[in-house]
Protein backbone atom coordinates (compact mmCIF):
# COMPACT_ATOMS: atom_id res chain seq x y z
CA UNK A 1 0.00 0.00 0.00
CA UNK A 2 1.02 3.56 -0.47
CA UNK A 3 2.37 5.62 2.38
CA UNK A 4 -0.67 7.90 2.16
CA UNK A 5 -3.09 4.96 2.52
CA UNK A 6 -1.16 3.66 5.52
CA UNK A 7 -1.31 7.07 7.21
CA UNK A 8 -5.06 7.20 6.62
CA UNK A 9 -5.44 3.80 8.28
CA UNK A 10 -3.61 5.09 11.33
CA UNK A 11 -5.31 8.45 11.57
CA UNK A 12 -7.22 9.45 14.67
CA UNK A 13 -10.35 9.80 12.58
CA UNK A 14 -10.07 6.27 11.20
CA UNK A 15 -9.52 4.84 14.68
CA UNK A 16 -12.61 6.74 15.86
CA UNK A 17 -14.64 5.32 12.99
CA UNK A 18 -13.58 1.78 13.96
CA UNK A 19 -14.45 2.42 17.60
CA UNK A 20 -17.87 3.90 16.85
CA UNK A 21 -18.76 1.02 14.53
CA UNK A 22 -17.69 -1.58 17.10
CA UNK A 23 -19.61 0.19 19.88
CA UNK A 24 -22.72 0.45 17.69
CA UNK A 25 -22.51 -3.27 16.92
CA UNK A 26 -22.24 -4.17 20.59
CA UNK A 27 -25.11 -1.82 21.52
CA UNK A 28 -27.19 -3.60 18.88
CA UNK A 29 -26.45 -6.86 20.71
CA UNK A 30 -24.59 -8.35 17.77
CA UNK A 31 -21.37 -10.27 17.53
CA UNK A 32 -19.04 -9.63 14.61
CA UNK A 33 -20.36 -12.88 13.12
CA UNK A 34 -23.96 -11.76 13.56
CA UNK A 35 -23.29 -8.47 11.79
CA UNK A 36 -21.40 -10.26 9.03
CA UNK A 37 -24.38 -12.57 8.52
CA UNK A 38 -26.71 -9.57 8.17
CA UNK A 39 -24.33 -8.12 5.60
CA UNK A 40 -23.92 -11.48 3.83
CA UNK A 41 -20.17 -11.11 4.18
CA UNK A 42 -17.50 -13.23 5.87
CA UNK A 43 -16.73 -12.63 9.54
CA UNK A 44 -13.28 -11.37 8.55
CA UNK A 45 -14.88 -8.40 6.76
CA UNK A 46 -16.29 -7.02 10.02
CA UNK A 47 -13.22 -8.00 12.05
CA UNK A 48 -10.86 -6.19 9.68
CA UNK A 49 -13.00 -3.05 9.63
CA UNK A 50 -13.26 -2.90 13.43
CA UNK A 51 -9.58 -3.74 13.80
CA UNK A 52 -8.59 -0.88 11.52
CA UNK A 53 -7.08 -3.18 8.89
CA UNK A 54 -9.63 -2.39 6.20
CA UNK A 55 -10.91 0.94 4.97
CA UNK A 56 -14.51 1.31 3.90
CA UNK A 57 -16.13 3.65 1.42
CA UNK A 58 -19.26 5.68 2.03
CA UNK A 59 -21.53 3.03 0.50
CA UNK A 60 -20.08 0.33 2.76
CA UNK A 61 -20.49 2.65 5.74
CA UNK A 62 -24.17 3.14 4.89
CA UNK A 63 -24.63 -0.64 4.52
CA UNK A 64 -23.03 -1.20 7.92
CA UNK A 65 -25.22 1.44 9.55
CA UNK A 66 -28.37 -0.02 8.02
CA UNK A 67 -27.38 -3.54 9.07
CA UNK A 68 -27.10 -2.12 12.60
CA UNK A 69 -30.54 -0.54 12.07
CA UNK A 70 -29.09 2.95 12.49
CA UNK A 71 -29.37 6.09 10.43
CA UNK A 72 -26.08 6.44 8.50
CA UNK A 73 -26.14 10.24 8.83
CA UNK A 74 -26.56 10.12 12.60
CA UNK A 75 -23.84 7.49 12.93
CA UNK A 76 -21.46 9.58 10.85
CA UNK A 77 -22.29 12.58 13.02
CA UNK A 78 -21.25 10.54 16.05
CA UNK A 79 -17.92 9.69 14.40
CA UNK A 80 -17.25 13.31 13.50
CA UNK A 81 -18.21 14.70 16.89
CA UNK A 82 -15.61 12.68 18.80
PDB file of N, CA and C in Angstrom:
ATOM      1  N   UNK A   1       0.831  -1.195   0.000  1.00  0.00           N
ATOM      2  CA  UNK A   1       0.000   0.000   0.000  1.00  0.00           C
ATOM      3  C   UNK A   1       0.867   1.247   0.000  1.00  0.00           C
ATOM      4  N   UNK A   2       0.285   2.306  -0.441  1.00  0.00           N
ATOM      5  CA  UNK A   2       1.023   3.555  -0.473  1.00  0.00           C
ATOM      6  C   UNK A   2       1.170   4.121   0.933  1.00  0.00           C
ATOM      7  N   UNK A   3       2.139   4.979   1.079  1.00  0.00           N
ATOM      8  CA  UNK A   3       2.367   5.619   2.382  1.00  0.00           C
ATOM      9  C   UNK A   3       1.151   6.433   2.807  1.00  0.00           C
ATOM     10  N   UNK A   4       0.519   7.090   1.857  1.00  0.00           N
ATOM     11  CA  UNK A   4      -0.665   7.899   2.161  1.00  0.00           C
ATOM     12  C   UNK A   4      -1.806   7.032   2.695  1.00  0.00           C
ATOM     13  N   UNK A   5      -2.029   5.874   2.073  1.00  0.00           N
ATOM     14  CA  UNK A   5      -3.085   4.960   2.525  1.00  0.00           C
ATOM     15  C   UNK A   5      -2.782   4.450   3.928  1.00  0.00           C
ATOM     16  N   UNK A   6      -1.531   4.149   4.194  1.00  0.00           N
ATOM     17  CA  UNK A   6      -1.162   3.659   5.522  1.00  0.00           C
ATOM     18  C   UNK A   6      -1.390   4.741   6.577  1.00  0.00           C
ATOM     19  N   UNK A   7      -1.069   5.981   6.264  1.00  0.00           N
ATOM     20  CA  UNK A   7      -1.308   7.071   7.206  1.00  0.00           C
ATOM     21  C   UNK A   7      -2.792   7.225   7.478  1.00  0.00           C
ATOM     22  N   UNK A   8      -3.616   7.078   6.441  1.00  0.00           N
ATOM     23  CA  UNK A   8      -5.064   7.198   6.620  1.00  0.00           C
ATOM     24  C   UNK A   8      -5.584   6.089   7.529  1.00  0.00           C
ATOM     25  N   UNK A   9      -5.017   4.911   7.419  1.00  0.00           N
ATOM     26  CA  UNK A   9      -5.443   3.803   8.278  1.00  0.00           C
ATOM     27  C   UNK A   9      -5.083   4.059   9.730  1.00  0.00           C
ATOM     28  N   UNK A  10      -4.056   4.833   9.955  1.00  0.00           N
ATOM     29  CA  UNK A  10      -3.611   5.089  11.331  1.00  0.00           C
ATOM     30  C   UNK A  10      -4.101   6.420  11.885  1.00  0.00           C
ATOM     31  N   UNK A  11      -4.877   7.127  11.117  1.00  0.00           N
ATOM     32  CA  UNK A  11      -5.306   8.448  11.568  1.00  0.00           C
ATOM     33  C   UNK A  11      -6.251   8.341  12.767  1.00  0.00           C
ATOM     34  N   UNK A  12      -6.311   9.398  13.522  1.00  0.00           N
ATOM     35  CA  UNK A  12      -7.217   9.450  14.670  1.00  0.00           C
ATOM     36  C   UNK A  12      -8.657   9.270  14.211  1.00  0.00           C
ATOM     37  N   UNK A  13      -8.989   9.885  13.097  1.00  0.00           N
ATOM     38  CA  UNK A  13     -10.351   9.797  12.580  1.00  0.00           C
ATOM     39  C   UNK A  13     -10.725   8.368  12.202  1.00  0.00           C
ATOM     40  N   UNK A  14      -9.780   7.656  11.584  1.00  0.00           N
ATOM     41  CA  UNK A  14     -10.066   6.272  11.202  1.00  0.00           C
ATOM     42  C   UNK A  14     -10.221   5.396  12.446  1.00  0.00           C
ATOM     43  N   UNK A  15      -9.385   5.612  13.434  1.00  0.00           N
ATOM     44  CA  UNK A  15      -9.517   4.842  14.685  1.00  0.00           C
ATOM     45  C   UNK A  15     -10.864   5.127  15.345  1.00  0.00           C
ATOM     46  N   UNK A  16     -11.315   6.384  15.288  1.00  0.00           N
ATOM     47  CA  UNK A  16     -12.610   6.736  15.863  1.00  0.00           C
ATOM     48  C   UNK A  16     -13.731   6.046  15.105  1.00  0.00           C
ATOM     49  N   UNK A  17     -13.639   6.005  13.793  1.00  0.00           N
ATOM     50  CA  UNK A  17     -14.637   5.317  12.986  1.00  0.00           C
ATOM     51  C   UNK A  17     -14.731   3.853  13.408  1.00  0.00           C
ATOM     52  N   UNK A  18     -13.598   3.189  13.542  1.00  0.00           N
ATOM     53  CA  UNK A  18     -13.579   1.778  13.956  1.00  0.00           C
ATOM     54  C   UNK A  18     -14.220   1.600  15.325  1.00  0.00           C
ATOM     55  N   UNK A  19     -13.897   2.486  16.242  1.00  0.00           N
ATOM     56  CA  UNK A  19     -14.446   2.417  17.603  1.00  0.00           C
ATOM     57  C   UNK A  19     -15.956   2.614  17.604  1.00  0.00           C
ATOM     58  N   UNK A  20     -16.428   3.626  16.888  1.00  0.00           N
ATOM     59  CA  UNK A  20     -17.867   3.903  16.851  1.00  0.00           C
ATOM     60  C   UNK A  20     -18.621   2.731  16.224  1.00  0.00           C
ATOM     61  N   UNK A  21     -18.090   2.156  15.163  1.00  0.00           N
ATOM     62  CA  UNK A  21     -18.758   1.017  14.532  1.00  0.00           C
ATOM     63  C   UNK A  21     -18.814  -0.183  15.472  1.00  0.00           C
ATOM     64  N   UNK A  22     -17.711  -0.455  16.165  1.00  0.00           N
ATOM     65  CA  UNK A  22     -17.690  -1.582  17.099  1.00  0.00           C
ATOM     66  C   UNK A  22     -18.665  -1.348  18.251  1.00  0.00           C
ATOM     67  N   UNK A  23     -18.684  -0.128  18.784  1.00  0.00           N
ATOM     68  CA  UNK A  23     -19.611   0.185  19.882  1.00  0.00           C
ATOM     69  C   UNK A  23     -21.065   0.069  19.428  1.00  0.00           C
ATOM     70  N   UNK A  24     -21.353   0.533  18.221  1.00  0.00           N
ATOM     71  CA  UNK A  24     -22.720   0.451  17.695  1.00  0.00           C
ATOM     72  C   UNK A  24     -23.133  -1.008  17.531  1.00  0.00           C
ATOM     73  N   UNK A  25     -22.220  -1.847  17.069  1.00  0.00           N
ATOM     74  CA  UNK A  25     -22.511  -3.271  16.918  1.00  0.00           C
ATOM     75  C   UNK A  25     -22.829  -3.900  18.264  1.00  0.00           C
ATOM     76  N   UNK A  26     -22.016  -3.588  19.258  1.00  0.00           N
ATOM     77  CA  UNK A  26     -22.240  -4.165  20.594  1.00  0.00           C
ATOM     78  C   UNK A  26     -23.546  -3.655  21.194  1.00  0.00           C
ATOM     79  N   UNK A  27     -23.849  -2.370  21.008  1.00  0.00           N
ATOM     80  CA  UNK A  27     -25.114  -1.816  21.516  1.00  0.00           C
ATOM     81  C   UNK A  27     -26.317  -2.465  20.838  1.00  0.00           C
ATOM     82  N   UNK A  28     -26.122  -2.917  19.598  1.00  0.00           N
ATOM     83  CA  UNK A  28     -27.194  -3.601  18.877  1.00  0.00           C
ATOM     84  C   UNK A  28     -27.314  -5.060  19.325  1.00  0.00           C
ATOM     85  N   UNK A  29     -26.408  -5.489  20.206  1.00  0.00           N
ATOM     86  CA  UNK A  29     -26.454  -6.858  20.708  1.00  0.00           C
ATOM     87  C   UNK A  29     -25.973  -7.884  19.701  1.00  0.00           C
ATOM     88  N   UNK A  30     -25.096  -7.450  18.802  1.00  0.00           N
ATOM     89  CA  UNK A  30     -24.592  -8.345  17.767  1.00  0.00           C
ATOM     90  C   UNK A  30     -23.131  -8.691  17.975  1.00  0.00           C
ATOM     91  N   UNK A  31     -22.784  -9.898  17.611  1.00  0.00           N
ATOM     92  CA  UNK A  31     -21.374 -10.273  17.525  1.00  0.00           C
ATOM     93  C   UNK A  31     -20.880  -9.850  16.145  1.00  0.00           C
ATOM     94  N   UNK A  32     -19.576  -9.913  15.947  1.00  0.00           N
ATOM     95  CA  UNK A  32     -19.043  -9.628  14.614  1.00  0.00           C
ATOM     96  C   UNK A  32     -19.640 -10.609  13.606  1.00  0.00           C
ATOM     97  N   UNK A  33     -19.770 -11.870  14.005  1.00  0.00           N
ATOM     98  CA  UNK A  33     -20.361 -12.879  13.124  1.00  0.00           C
ATOM     99  C   UNK A  33     -21.813 -12.550  12.785  1.00  0.00           C
ATOM    100  N   UNK A  34     -22.562 -12.107  13.789  1.00  0.00           N
ATOM    101  CA  UNK A  34     -23.961 -11.757  13.563  1.00  0.00           C
ATOM    102  C   UNK A  34     -24.104 -10.611  12.583  1.00  0.00           C
ATOM    103  N   UNK A  35     -23.254  -9.600  12.723  1.00  0.00           N
ATOM    104  CA  UNK A  35     -23.292  -8.472  11.793  1.00  0.00           C
ATOM    105  C   UNK A  35     -22.877  -8.931  10.398  1.00  0.00           C
ATOM    106  N   UNK A  36     -21.847  -9.749  10.326  1.00  0.00           N
ATOM    107  CA  UNK A  36     -21.395 -10.264   9.031  1.00  0.00           C
ATOM    108  C   UNK A  36     -22.509 -11.041   8.337  1.00  0.00           C
ATOM    109  N   UNK A  37     -23.263 -11.813   9.102  1.00  0.00           N
ATOM    110  CA  UNK A  37     -24.382 -12.568   8.518  1.00  0.00           C
ATOM    111  C   UNK A  37     -25.436 -11.622   7.950  1.00  0.00           C
ATOM    112  N   UNK A  38     -25.745 -10.553   8.682  1.00  0.00           N
ATOM    113  CA  UNK A  38     -26.709  -9.565   8.169  1.00  0.00           C
ATOM    114  C   UNK A  38     -26.226  -8.942   6.867  1.00  0.00           C
ATOM    115  N   UNK A  39     -24.918  -8.752   6.780  1.00  0.00           N
ATOM    116  CA  UNK A  39     -24.326  -8.125   5.603  1.00  0.00           C
ATOM    117  C   UNK A  39     -24.078  -9.121   4.472  1.00  0.00           C
ATOM    118  N   UNK A  40     -24.238 -10.412   4.787  1.00  0.00           N
ATOM    119  CA  UNK A  40     -23.917 -11.481   3.833  1.00  0.00           C
ATOM    120  C   UNK A  40     -22.456 -11.394   3.394  1.00  0.00           C
ATOM    121  N   UNK A  41     -21.615 -11.206   4.387  1.00  0.00           N
ATOM    122  CA  UNK A  41     -20.171 -11.108   4.182  1.00  0.00           C
ATOM    123  C   UNK A  41     -19.489 -12.059   5.152  1.00  0.00           C
ATOM    124  N   UNK A  42     -18.225 -12.380   4.915  1.00  0.00           N
ATOM    125  CA  UNK A  42     -17.504 -13.228   5.872  1.00  0.00           C
ATOM    126  C   UNK A  42     -17.218 -12.471   7.173  1.00  0.00           C
ATOM    127  N   UNK A  43     -17.051 -13.217   8.235  1.00  0.00           N
ATOM    128  CA  UNK A  43     -16.735 -12.634   9.543  1.00  0.00           C
ATOM    129  C   UNK A  43     -15.510 -11.735   9.447  1.00  0.00           C
ATOM    130  N   UNK A  44     -14.529 -12.137   8.656  1.00  0.00           N
ATOM    131  CA  UNK A  44     -13.280 -11.372   8.554  1.00  0.00           C
ATOM    132  C   UNK A  44     -13.520  -9.951   8.046  1.00  0.00           C
ATOM    133  N   UNK A  45     -14.559  -9.734   7.267  1.00  0.00           N
ATOM    134  CA  UNK A  45     -14.879  -8.398   6.760  1.00  0.00           C
ATOM    135  C   UNK A  45     -15.124  -7.443   7.922  1.00  0.00           C
ATOM    136  N   UNK A  46     -15.980  -7.850   8.851  1.00  0.00           N
ATOM    137  CA  UNK A  46     -16.289  -7.016  10.016  1.00  0.00           C
ATOM    138  C   UNK A  46     -15.072  -6.901  10.925  1.00  0.00           C
ATOM    139  N   UNK A  47     -14.389  -8.008  11.160  1.00  0.00           N
ATOM    140  CA  UNK A  47     -13.220  -8.003  12.047  1.00  0.00           C
ATOM    141  C   UNK A  47     -12.137  -7.057  11.533  1.00  0.00           C
ATOM    142  N   UNK A  48     -11.896  -7.068  10.243  1.00  0.00           N
ATOM    143  CA  UNK A  48     -10.857  -6.193   9.678  1.00  0.00           C
ATOM    144  C   UNK A  48     -11.263  -4.725   9.732  1.00  0.00           C
ATOM    145  N   UNK A  49     -12.539  -4.435   9.531  1.00  0.00           N
ATOM    146  CA  UNK A  49     -13.003  -3.048   9.633  1.00  0.00           C
ATOM    147  C   UNK A  49     -12.831  -2.556  11.066  1.00  0.00           C
ATOM    148  N   UNK A  50     -13.341  -3.323  12.029  1.00  0.00           N
ATOM    149  CA  UNK A  50     -13.262  -2.899  13.431  1.00  0.00           C
ATOM    150  C   UNK A  50     -11.829  -2.861  13.927  1.00  0.00           C
ATOM    151  N   UNK A  51     -10.979  -3.707  13.390  1.00  0.00           N
ATOM    152  CA  UNK A  51      -9.578  -3.740  13.800  1.00  0.00           C
ATOM    153  C   UNK A  51      -8.721  -2.700  13.108  1.00  0.00           C
ATOM    154  N   UNK A  52      -9.320  -1.939  12.205  1.00  0.00           N
ATOM    155  CA  UNK A  52      -8.585  -0.878  11.517  1.00  0.00           C
ATOM    156  C   UNK A  52      -7.719  -1.372  10.377  1.00  0.00           C
ATOM    157  N   UNK A  53      -7.892  -2.628   9.968  1.00  0.00           N
ATOM    158  CA  UNK A  53      -7.080  -3.184   8.890  1.00  0.00           C
ATOM    159  C   UNK A  53      -7.674  -2.933   7.514  1.00  0.00           C
ATOM    160  N   UNK A  54      -8.943  -2.579   7.472  1.00  0.00           N
ATOM    161  CA  UNK A  54      -9.628  -2.395   6.203  1.00  0.00           C
ATOM    162  C   UNK A  54     -10.371  -1.078   6.202  1.00  0.00           C
ATOM    163  N   UNK A  55     -10.171  -0.304   5.147  1.00  0.00           N
ATOM    164  CA  UNK A  55     -10.910   0.940   4.975  1.00  0.00           C
ATOM    165  C   UNK A  55     -12.238   0.641   4.311  1.00  0.00           C
ATOM    166  N   UNK A  56     -13.213   1.481   4.551  1.00  0.00           N
ATOM    167  CA  UNK A  56     -14.506   1.314   3.900  1.00  0.00           C
ATOM    168  C   UNK A  56     -14.875   2.601   3.177  1.00  0.00           C
ATOM    169  N   UNK A  57     -15.658   2.452   2.124  1.00  0.00           N
ATOM    170  CA  UNK A  57     -16.126   3.645   1.425  1.00  0.00           C
ATOM    171  C   UNK A  57     -17.487   4.051   1.986  1.00  0.00           C
ATOM    172  N   UNK A  58     -18.018   5.120   1.481  1.00  0.00           N
ATOM    173  CA  UNK A  58     -19.260   5.675   2.033  1.00  0.00           C
ATOM    174  C   UNK A  58     -20.438   4.717   1.838  1.00  0.00           C
ATOM    175  N   UNK A  59     -20.451   3.982   0.746  1.00  0.00           N
ATOM    176  CA  UNK A  59     -21.532   3.030   0.503  1.00  0.00           C
ATOM    177  C   UNK A  59     -21.455   1.886   1.508  1.00  0.00           C
ATOM    178  N   UNK A  60     -20.262   1.393   1.761  1.00  0.00           N
ATOM    179  CA  UNK A  60     -20.084   0.325   2.758  1.00  0.00           C
ATOM    180  C   UNK A  60     -20.469   0.826   4.144  1.00  0.00           C
ATOM    181  N   UNK A  61     -20.119   2.077   4.448  1.00  0.00           N
ATOM    182  CA  UNK A  61     -20.494   2.649   5.735  1.00  0.00           C
ATOM    183  C   UNK A  61     -22.011   2.660   5.886  1.00  0.00           C
ATOM    184  N   UNK A  62     -22.705   3.092   4.847  1.00  0.00           N
ATOM    185  CA  UNK A  62     -24.166   3.137   4.889  1.00  0.00           C
ATOM    186  C   UNK A  62     -24.742   1.730   5.058  1.00  0.00           C
ATOM    187  N   UNK A  63     -24.173   0.749   4.380  1.00  0.00           N
ATOM    188  CA  UNK A  63     -24.633  -0.639   4.521  1.00  0.00           C
ATOM    189  C   UNK A  63     -24.443  -1.135   5.950  1.00  0.00           C
ATOM    190  N   UNK A  64     -23.293  -0.810   6.529  1.00  0.00           N
ATOM    191  CA  UNK A  64     -23.034  -1.204   7.921  1.00  0.00           C
ATOM    192  C   UNK A  64     -24.045  -0.564   8.860  1.00  0.00           C
ATOM    193  N   UNK A  65     -24.266   0.730   8.687  1.00  0.00           N
ATOM    194  CA  UNK A  65     -25.219   1.436   9.547  1.00  0.00           C
ATOM    195  C   UNK A  65     -26.607   0.826   9.430  1.00  0.00           C
ATOM    196  N   UNK A  66     -27.030   0.558   8.215  1.00  0.00           N
ATOM    197  CA  UNK A  66     -28.371  -0.022   8.016  1.00  0.00           C
ATOM    198  C   UNK A  66     -28.460  -1.424   8.594  1.00  0.00           C
ATOM    199  N   UNK A  67     -27.385  -2.195   8.487  1.00  0.00           N
ATOM    200  CA  UNK A  67     -27.379  -3.539   9.071  1.00  0.00           C
ATOM    201  C   UNK A  67     -27.482  -3.466  10.592  1.00  0.00           C
ATOM    202  N   UNK A  68     -26.996  -2.354  11.157  1.00  0.00           N
ATOM    203  CA  UNK A  68     -27.104  -2.124  12.604  1.00  0.00           C
ATOM    204  C   UNK A  68     -28.427  -1.455  12.958  1.00  0.00           C
ATOM    205  N   UNK A  69     -29.238  -1.205  11.934  1.00  0.00           N
ATOM    206  CA  UNK A  69     -30.543  -0.542  12.067  1.00  0.00           C
ATOM    207  C   UNK A  69     -30.380   0.880  12.626  1.00  0.00           C
ATOM    208  N   UNK A  70     -29.369   1.569  12.101  1.00  0.00           N
ATOM    209  CA  UNK A  70     -29.087   2.946  12.490  1.00  0.00           C
ATOM    210  C   UNK A  70     -29.124   3.836  11.265  1.00  0.00           C
ATOM    211  N   UNK A  71     -29.391   5.105  11.496  1.00  0.00           N
ATOM    212  CA  UNK A  71     -29.368   6.092  10.426  1.00  0.00           C
ATOM    213  C   UNK A  71     -27.903   6.404  10.104  1.00  0.00           C
ATOM    214  N   UNK A  72     -27.480   6.186   8.848  1.00  0.00           N
ATOM    215  CA  UNK A  72     -26.078   6.441   8.504  1.00  0.00           C
ATOM    216  C   UNK A  72     -25.629   7.871   8.795  1.00  0.00           C
ATOM    217  N   UNK A  73     -26.506   8.844   8.583  1.00  0.00           N
ATOM    218  CA  UNK A  73     -26.143  10.239   8.832  1.00  0.00           C
ATOM    219  C   UNK A  73     -25.896  10.497  10.312  1.00  0.00           C
ATOM    220  N   UNK A  74     -26.747   9.948  11.152  1.00  0.00           N
ATOM    221  CA  UNK A  74     -26.562  10.122  12.598  1.00  0.00           C
ATOM    222  C   UNK A  74     -25.303   9.418  13.075  1.00  0.00           C
ATOM    223  N   UNK A  75     -25.046   8.225  12.527  1.00  0.00           N
ATOM    224  CA  UNK A  75     -23.840   7.487  12.930  1.00  0.00           C
ATOM    225  C   UNK A  75     -22.592   8.234  12.500  1.00  0.00           C
ATOM    226  N   UNK A  76     -22.599   8.794  11.300  1.00  0.00           N
ATOM    227  CA  UNK A  76     -21.461   9.581  10.848  1.00  0.00           C
ATOM    228  C   UNK A  76     -21.278  10.812  11.730  1.00  0.00           C
ATOM    229  N   UNK A  77     -22.376  11.429  12.111  1.00  0.00           N
ATOM    230  CA  UNK A  77     -22.290  12.578  13.023  1.00  0.00           C
ATOM    231  C   UNK A  77     -21.618  12.209  14.328  1.00  0.00           C
ATOM    232  N   UNK A  78     -21.892  11.011  14.818  1.00  0.00           N
ATOM    233  CA  UNK A  78     -21.250  10.541  16.048  1.00  0.00           C
ATOM    234  C   UNK A  78     -19.753  10.387  15.849  1.00  0.00           C
ATOM    235  N   UNK A  79     -19.362   9.851  14.698  1.00  0.00           N
ATOM    236  CA  UNK A  79     -17.924   9.690  14.397  1.00  0.00           C
ATOM    237  C   UNK A  79     -17.244  11.049  14.361  1.00  0.00           C
ATOM    238  N   UNK A  80     -17.859  11.996  13.678  1.00  0.00           N
ATOM    239  CA  UNK A  80     -17.248  13.305  13.495  1.00  0.00           C
ATOM    240  C   UNK A  80     -17.256  14.178  14.735  1.00  0.00           C
ATOM    241  N   UNK A  81     -18.130  13.867  15.682  1.00  0.00           N
ATOM    242  CA  UNK A  81     -18.207  14.701  16.886  1.00  0.00           C
ATOM    243  C   UNK A  81     -17.210  14.281  17.957  1.00  0.00           C
ATOM    244  N   UNK A  82     -16.549  13.176  17.770  1.00  0.00           N
ATOM    245  CA  UNK A  82     -15.613  12.678  18.795  1.00  0.00           C
ATOM    246  C   UNK A  82     -14.218  13.183  18.569  1.00  0.00           C
TER     247      UNK A  82
END
